[in-house]
């Protein structure tokens, strides 16, 4: 018998996030090149994952707001990667954790990032 995976099936992540954008669209929305988007992901300023089997790596659309990265996202991604999370796990947590009123991503959108940061710090 095999044990259950610690992360959801790739198809599940695709259903958690309402809208995904590719790196080119993220760059367009941020006013930067695809190369700069790649650097943001590599430096853990932005999280990206494969939302469903056969899809390329994409970014949740909510992570880019009004031409900028969602406030508080970069620090959160850095903190969680420092605690051993990969981008897929970070996106999963942002879209599923129920310890806040609503999902952590919604709290970030509503400028309640300190709640999200406190919760993330308590996880390790």
N, C-alpha and C. Protein backbone atom coordinates (compact mmCIF):
# COMPACT_ATOMS: atom_id res chain seq x y z
N UNK A 1 0.83 -1.19 0.00
CA UNK A 1 0.00 0.00 0.00
C UNK A 1 0.87 1.25 0.00
N UNK A 2 0.50 2.19 -0.77
CA UNK A 2 1.25 3.45 -0.78
C UNK A 2 0.52 4.46 0.10
N UNK A 3 1.29 5.36 0.66
CA UNK A 3 0.66 6.37 1.51
C UNK A 3 0.11 7.50 0.63
N UNK A 4 -0.80 8.25 1.20
CA UNK A 4 -1.41 9.36 0.47
C UNK A 4 -0.37 10.44 0.22
N UNK A 5 -0.42 11.10 -0.92
CA UNK A 5 0.54 12.17 -1.18
C UNK A 5 0.33 13.33 -0.21
N UNK A 6 1.41 14.04 0.09
CA UNK A 6 1.30 15.18 0.99
C UNK A 6 0.73 16.40 0.29
N UNK A 7 0.84 16.43 -1.00
CA UNK A 7 0.32 17.54 -1.78
C UNK A 7 -0.81 17.03 -2.65
N UNK A 8 -1.77 17.88 -2.99
CA UNK A 8 -2.88 17.39 -3.79
C UNK A 8 -2.43 16.99 -5.20
N UNK A 9 -3.24 16.19 -5.80
CA UNK A 9 -3.05 15.83 -7.20
C UNK A 9 -2.95 17.13 -8.00
N UNK A 10 -2.10 17.18 -9.04
CA UNK A 10 -1.98 18.42 -9.81
C UNK A 10 -3.31 18.98 -10.28
N UNK A 11 -4.27 18.14 -10.58
CA UNK A 11 -5.57 18.63 -11.03
C UNK A 11 -6.27 19.39 -9.92
N UNK A 12 -6.04 19.00 -8.65
CA UNK A 12 -6.69 19.66 -7.53
C UNK A 12 -6.25 21.10 -7.38
N UNK A 13 -4.97 21.39 -7.57
CA UNK A 13 -4.49 22.76 -7.44
C UNK A 13 -5.17 23.64 -8.49
N UNK A 14 -5.39 23.09 -9.66
CA UNK A 14 -6.08 23.84 -10.70
C UNK A 14 -7.49 24.23 -10.31
N UNK A 15 -8.14 23.42 -9.49
CA UNK A 15 -9.51 23.75 -9.08
C UNK A 15 -9.55 24.67 -7.86
N UNK A 16 -8.49 24.71 -7.07
CA UNK A 16 -8.46 25.60 -5.90
C UNK A 16 -8.40 27.06 -6.30
N UNK A 17 -7.62 27.34 -7.33
CA UNK A 17 -7.38 28.72 -7.77
C UNK A 17 -8.34 29.04 -8.91
N UNK A 18 -9.09 30.12 -8.73
CA UNK A 18 -10.12 30.48 -9.71
C UNK A 18 -9.55 30.87 -11.07
N UNK A 19 -8.45 31.61 -11.06
CA UNK A 19 -7.89 32.09 -12.34
C UNK A 19 -6.38 32.02 -12.31
N UNK A 20 -5.81 31.45 -13.36
CA UNK A 20 -4.36 31.35 -13.52
C UNK A 20 -3.94 32.20 -14.71
N UNK A 21 -2.74 32.73 -14.65
CA UNK A 21 -2.16 33.45 -15.79
C UNK A 21 -0.78 32.88 -16.07
N UNK A 22 -0.38 32.94 -17.34
CA UNK A 22 0.96 32.46 -17.67
C UNK A 22 1.97 33.58 -17.40
N UNK A 23 3.24 33.23 -17.53
CA UNK A 23 4.29 34.19 -17.20
C UNK A 23 4.22 35.42 -18.10
N UNK A 24 3.86 35.24 -19.37
CA UNK A 24 3.77 36.37 -20.29
C UNK A 24 2.68 37.34 -19.84
N UNK A 25 1.53 36.80 -19.43
CA UNK A 25 0.43 37.65 -18.95
C UNK A 25 0.82 38.33 -17.64
N UNK A 26 1.50 37.62 -16.76
CA UNK A 26 1.96 38.23 -15.50
C UNK A 26 2.90 39.39 -15.81
N UNK A 27 3.82 39.18 -16.76
CA UNK A 27 4.73 40.25 -17.16
C UNK A 27 3.98 41.44 -17.74
N UNK A 28 2.98 41.16 -18.57
CA UNK A 28 2.19 42.25 -19.15
C UNK A 28 1.48 43.04 -18.05
N UNK A 29 0.88 42.34 -17.10
CA UNK A 29 0.16 43.02 -16.02
C UNK A 29 1.09 43.79 -15.09
N UNK A 30 2.32 43.31 -14.94
CA UNK A 30 3.29 43.99 -14.08
C UNK A 30 4.11 45.05 -14.84
N UNK A 31 4.03 45.02 -16.17
CA UNK A 31 4.82 45.94 -16.97
C UNK A 31 6.29 45.57 -17.01
N UNK A 32 6.58 44.26 -16.94
CA UNK A 32 7.96 43.78 -16.98
C UNK A 32 8.07 42.65 -18.01
N UNK A 33 9.30 42.26 -18.30
CA UNK A 33 9.52 41.18 -19.26
C UNK A 33 9.27 39.81 -18.62
N UNK A 34 9.10 38.80 -19.47
CA UNK A 34 8.97 37.43 -18.99
C UNK A 34 10.24 37.04 -18.23
N UNK A 35 11.38 37.52 -18.67
CA UNK A 35 12.64 37.24 -17.96
C UNK A 35 12.58 37.77 -16.52
N UNK A 36 12.00 38.93 -16.34
CA UNK A 36 11.89 39.51 -14.99
C UNK A 36 10.91 38.68 -14.15
N UNK A 37 9.83 38.20 -14.75
CA UNK A 37 8.89 37.32 -14.04
C UNK A 37 9.63 36.06 -13.59
N UNK A 38 10.44 35.50 -14.46
CA UNK A 38 11.23 34.31 -14.12
C UNK A 38 12.12 34.59 -12.91
N UNK A 39 12.77 35.76 -12.89
CA UNK A 39 13.64 36.14 -11.77
C UNK A 39 12.81 36.29 -10.49
N UNK A 40 11.65 36.91 -10.57
CA UNK A 40 10.78 37.07 -9.39
C UNK A 40 10.42 35.70 -8.80
N UNK A 41 10.16 34.74 -9.68
CA UNK A 41 9.81 33.39 -9.22
C UNK A 41 11.04 32.72 -8.61
N UNK A 42 12.16 32.82 -9.30
CA UNK A 42 13.40 32.19 -8.81
C UNK A 42 13.82 32.76 -7.45
N UNK A 43 13.62 34.05 -7.26
CA UNK A 43 14.01 34.71 -6.01
C UNK A 43 12.92 34.61 -4.93
N UNK A 44 11.88 33.84 -5.20
CA UNK A 44 10.76 33.63 -4.27
C UNK A 44 10.02 34.92 -3.91
N UNK A 45 9.96 35.84 -4.87
CA UNK A 45 9.14 37.04 -4.70
C UNK A 45 7.72 36.77 -5.20
N UNK A 46 7.59 35.72 -5.98
CA UNK A 46 6.33 35.35 -6.62
C UNK A 46 6.30 33.83 -6.70
N UNK A 47 5.15 33.23 -6.46
CA UNK A 47 5.03 31.77 -6.52
C UNK A 47 4.33 31.35 -7.80
N UNK A 48 4.80 30.24 -8.37
CA UNK A 48 4.21 29.69 -9.59
C UNK A 48 4.17 28.18 -9.45
N UNK A 49 3.21 27.55 -10.14
CA UNK A 49 3.08 26.09 -10.10
C UNK A 49 2.36 25.63 -11.36
N UNK A 50 2.39 24.33 -11.59
CA UNK A 50 1.64 23.73 -12.69
C UNK A 50 0.23 23.44 -12.17
N UNK A 51 -0.79 24.14 -12.69
CA UNK A 51 -2.13 23.99 -12.13
C UNK A 51 -2.83 22.68 -12.47
N UNK A 52 -2.49 22.10 -13.61
CA UNK A 52 -3.14 20.86 -14.01
C UNK A 52 -2.20 20.10 -14.94
N UNK A 53 -2.34 18.77 -15.01
CA UNK A 53 -1.45 17.98 -15.86
C UNK A 53 -1.41 18.50 -17.29
N UNK A 54 -0.22 18.63 -17.82
CA UNK A 54 -0.05 19.08 -19.20
C UNK A 54 0.06 20.59 -19.35
N UNK A 55 -0.29 21.33 -18.30
CA UNK A 55 -0.19 22.79 -18.37
C UNK A 55 1.23 23.20 -18.00
N UNK A 56 1.64 24.34 -18.49
CA UNK A 56 2.93 24.88 -18.09
C UNK A 56 2.80 25.55 -16.73
N UNK A 57 3.92 25.97 -16.19
CA UNK A 57 3.90 26.65 -14.91
C UNK A 57 3.15 27.97 -15.05
N UNK A 58 2.26 28.25 -14.11
CA UNK A 58 1.46 29.47 -14.15
C UNK A 58 1.40 30.11 -12.77
N UNK A 59 0.80 31.28 -12.73
CA UNK A 59 0.72 32.09 -11.51
C UNK A 59 -0.75 32.37 -11.22
N UNK A 60 -1.19 32.24 -9.98
CA UNK A 60 -2.56 32.65 -9.66
C UNK A 60 -2.75 34.13 -10.01
N UNK A 61 -3.80 34.45 -10.74
CA UNK A 61 -4.03 35.83 -11.19
C UNK A 61 -4.12 36.81 -10.03
N UNK A 62 -4.62 36.36 -8.88
CA UNK A 62 -4.76 37.24 -7.72
C UNK A 62 -3.42 37.75 -7.19
N UNK A 63 -2.31 37.10 -7.58
CA UNK A 63 -1.00 37.50 -7.10
C UNK A 63 -0.52 38.79 -7.76
N UNK A 64 -1.18 39.22 -8.84
CA UNK A 64 -0.83 40.46 -9.53
C UNK A 64 -2.06 41.36 -9.49
N UNK A 65 -1.92 42.50 -8.84
CA UNK A 65 -3.06 43.38 -8.63
C UNK A 65 -2.68 44.82 -8.97
N UNK A 66 -3.43 45.44 -9.82
CA UNK A 66 -3.21 46.85 -10.18
C UNK A 66 -1.77 47.13 -10.61
N UNK A 67 -1.20 46.23 -11.42
CA UNK A 67 0.14 46.44 -11.95
C UNK A 67 1.27 46.16 -10.97
N UNK A 68 0.94 45.57 -9.82
CA UNK A 68 1.96 45.27 -8.82
C UNK A 68 1.71 43.88 -8.26
N UNK A 69 2.74 43.34 -7.60
CA UNK A 69 2.55 42.09 -6.87
C UNK A 69 1.61 42.37 -5.70
N UNK A 70 0.80 41.41 -5.37
CA UNK A 70 -0.13 41.52 -4.25
C UNK A 70 0.65 41.90 -2.99
N UNK A 71 0.19 42.93 -2.29
CA UNK A 71 0.90 43.43 -1.11
C UNK A 71 1.05 42.31 -0.08
N UNK A 72 2.28 42.14 0.40
CA UNK A 72 2.57 41.14 1.40
C UNK A 72 2.94 39.77 0.85
N UNK A 73 2.70 39.55 -0.45
CA UNK A 73 2.94 38.23 -1.03
C UNK A 73 4.43 37.86 -1.03
N UNK A 74 5.28 38.78 -1.47
CA UNK A 74 6.70 38.46 -1.60
C UNK A 74 7.31 38.03 -0.27
N UNK A 75 7.05 38.78 0.77
CA UNK A 75 7.59 38.44 2.08
C UNK A 75 7.08 37.10 2.57
N UNK A 76 5.82 36.83 2.29
CA UNK A 76 5.22 35.56 2.69
C UNK A 76 5.85 34.39 1.95
N UNK A 77 6.04 34.54 0.63
CA UNK A 77 6.65 33.47 -0.16
C UNK A 77 8.07 33.20 0.33
N UNK A 78 8.84 34.26 0.60
CA UNK A 78 10.21 34.08 1.11
C UNK A 78 10.16 33.36 2.45
N UNK A 79 9.31 33.80 3.36
CA UNK A 79 9.23 33.19 4.68
C UNK A 79 8.86 31.71 4.58
N UNK A 80 7.86 31.39 3.78
CA UNK A 80 7.43 29.99 3.69
C UNK A 80 8.46 29.11 2.98
N UNK A 81 9.16 29.64 1.98
CA UNK A 81 10.22 28.83 1.35
C UNK A 81 11.36 28.62 2.34
N UNK A 82 11.64 29.62 3.18
CA UNK A 82 12.65 29.44 4.22
C UNK A 82 12.25 28.35 5.21
N UNK A 83 10.95 28.14 5.37
CA UNK A 83 10.44 27.10 6.27
C UNK A 83 10.28 25.75 5.56
N UNK A 84 10.74 25.67 4.30
CA UNK A 84 10.75 24.39 3.60
C UNK A 84 9.57 24.14 2.67
N UNK A 85 8.71 25.11 2.48
CA UNK A 85 7.58 24.95 1.56
C UNK A 85 8.05 25.18 0.13
N UNK A 86 7.49 24.43 -0.81
CA UNK A 86 7.75 24.75 -2.22
C UNK A 86 6.59 25.63 -2.71
N UNK A 87 6.72 26.15 -3.92
CA UNK A 87 5.70 27.08 -4.43
C UNK A 87 4.32 26.43 -4.51
N UNK A 88 4.28 25.19 -4.88
CA UNK A 88 3.00 24.48 -4.98
C UNK A 88 2.32 24.44 -3.60
N UNK A 89 3.09 24.11 -2.57
CA UNK A 89 2.54 24.05 -1.21
C UNK A 89 2.11 25.43 -0.71
N UNK A 90 2.86 26.45 -1.09
CA UNK A 90 2.50 27.82 -0.70
C UNK A 90 1.17 28.21 -1.34
N UNK A 91 1.02 27.95 -2.62
CA UNK A 91 -0.24 28.28 -3.30
C UNK A 91 -1.38 27.49 -2.68
N UNK A 92 -1.15 26.21 -2.43
CA UNK A 92 -2.19 25.38 -1.81
C UNK A 92 -2.60 25.98 -0.46
N UNK A 93 -1.64 26.36 0.37
CA UNK A 93 -1.94 26.94 1.68
C UNK A 93 -2.71 28.25 1.55
N UNK A 94 -2.26 29.11 0.64
CA UNK A 94 -2.92 30.41 0.47
C UNK A 94 -4.38 30.27 0.05
N UNK A 95 -4.69 29.19 -0.65
CA UNK A 95 -6.05 29.01 -1.16
C UNK A 95 -6.90 28.03 -0.36
N UNK A 96 -6.36 27.44 0.73
CA UNK A 96 -7.16 26.47 1.46
C UNK A 96 -7.17 26.66 2.97
N UNK A 97 -6.20 27.29 3.56
CA UNK A 97 -6.13 27.36 5.01
C UNK A 97 -7.37 28.03 5.58
N UNK A 98 -7.98 27.39 6.55
CA UNK A 98 -9.26 27.88 7.08
C UNK A 98 -9.12 28.53 8.45
N UNK A 99 -7.91 28.77 8.93
CA UNK A 99 -7.74 29.34 10.26
C UNK A 99 -7.99 30.84 10.32
N UNK A 100 -8.09 31.48 9.20
CA UNK A 100 -8.43 32.90 9.15
C UNK A 100 -9.89 33.02 8.74
N UNK A 101 -10.49 34.19 8.93
CA UNK A 101 -11.80 34.39 8.32
C UNK A 101 -11.59 34.45 6.80
N UNK A 102 -11.86 33.38 6.11
CA UNK A 102 -11.59 33.29 4.67
C UNK A 102 -10.20 32.74 4.42
N UNK A 103 -9.88 32.61 3.15
CA UNK A 103 -8.58 32.06 2.77
C UNK A 103 -7.49 33.12 2.95
N UNK A 104 -6.26 32.69 3.18
CA UNK A 104 -5.17 33.66 3.31
C UNK A 104 -5.04 34.59 2.10
N UNK A 105 -5.25 34.08 0.90
CA UNK A 105 -5.14 34.93 -0.28
C UNK A 105 -6.19 36.05 -0.24
N UNK A 106 -7.38 35.74 0.27
CA UNK A 106 -8.42 36.77 0.38
C UNK A 106 -8.01 37.83 1.41
N UNK A 107 -7.39 37.39 2.51
CA UNK A 107 -6.93 38.35 3.52
C UNK A 107 -5.87 39.28 2.93
N UNK A 108 -4.96 38.73 2.09
CA UNK A 108 -3.96 39.58 1.44
C UNK A 108 -4.63 40.59 0.52
N UNK A 109 -5.59 40.14 -0.27
CA UNK A 109 -6.30 41.04 -1.19
C UNK A 109 -7.01 42.15 -0.41
N UNK A 110 -7.52 41.81 0.77
CA UNK A 110 -8.24 42.78 1.60
C UNK A 110 -7.32 43.57 2.52
N UNK A 111 -6.01 43.50 2.26
CA UNK A 111 -5.00 44.23 3.03
C UNK A 111 -4.99 43.83 4.51
N UNK A 112 -5.19 42.54 4.76
CA UNK A 112 -5.10 42.00 6.12
C UNK A 112 -3.89 41.05 6.19
N UNK A 113 -2.79 41.51 5.63
CA UNK A 113 -1.60 40.68 5.52
C UNK A 113 -0.98 40.30 6.85
N UNK A 114 -1.13 41.14 7.88
CA UNK A 114 -0.52 40.80 9.17
C UNK A 114 -1.13 39.53 9.74
N UNK A 115 -2.42 39.31 9.53
CA UNK A 115 -3.06 38.07 9.98
C UNK A 115 -2.43 36.86 9.30
N UNK A 116 -2.21 36.99 8.00
CA UNK A 116 -1.64 35.90 7.21
C UNK A 116 -0.20 35.62 7.67
N UNK A 117 0.57 36.68 7.88
CA UNK A 117 1.96 36.53 8.29
C UNK A 117 2.03 35.84 9.66
N UNK A 118 1.19 36.24 10.60
CA UNK A 118 1.19 35.61 11.92
C UNK A 118 0.87 34.12 11.81
N UNK A 119 -0.10 33.79 10.99
CA UNK A 119 -0.49 32.39 10.81
C UNK A 119 0.65 31.59 10.18
N UNK A 120 1.30 32.18 9.18
CA UNK A 120 2.40 31.49 8.51
C UNK A 120 3.57 31.28 9.47
N UNK A 121 3.86 32.26 10.31
CA UNK A 121 4.96 32.14 11.26
C UNK A 121 4.67 31.04 12.28
N UNK A 122 3.43 30.84 12.63
CA UNK A 122 3.04 29.84 13.62
C UNK A 122 3.10 28.42 13.07
N UNK A 123 3.24 28.27 11.75
CA UNK A 123 3.20 26.94 11.13
C UNK A 123 4.48 26.15 11.32
N UNK A 124 5.61 26.79 11.47
CA UNK A 124 6.87 26.02 11.50
C UNK A 124 7.26 25.57 12.87
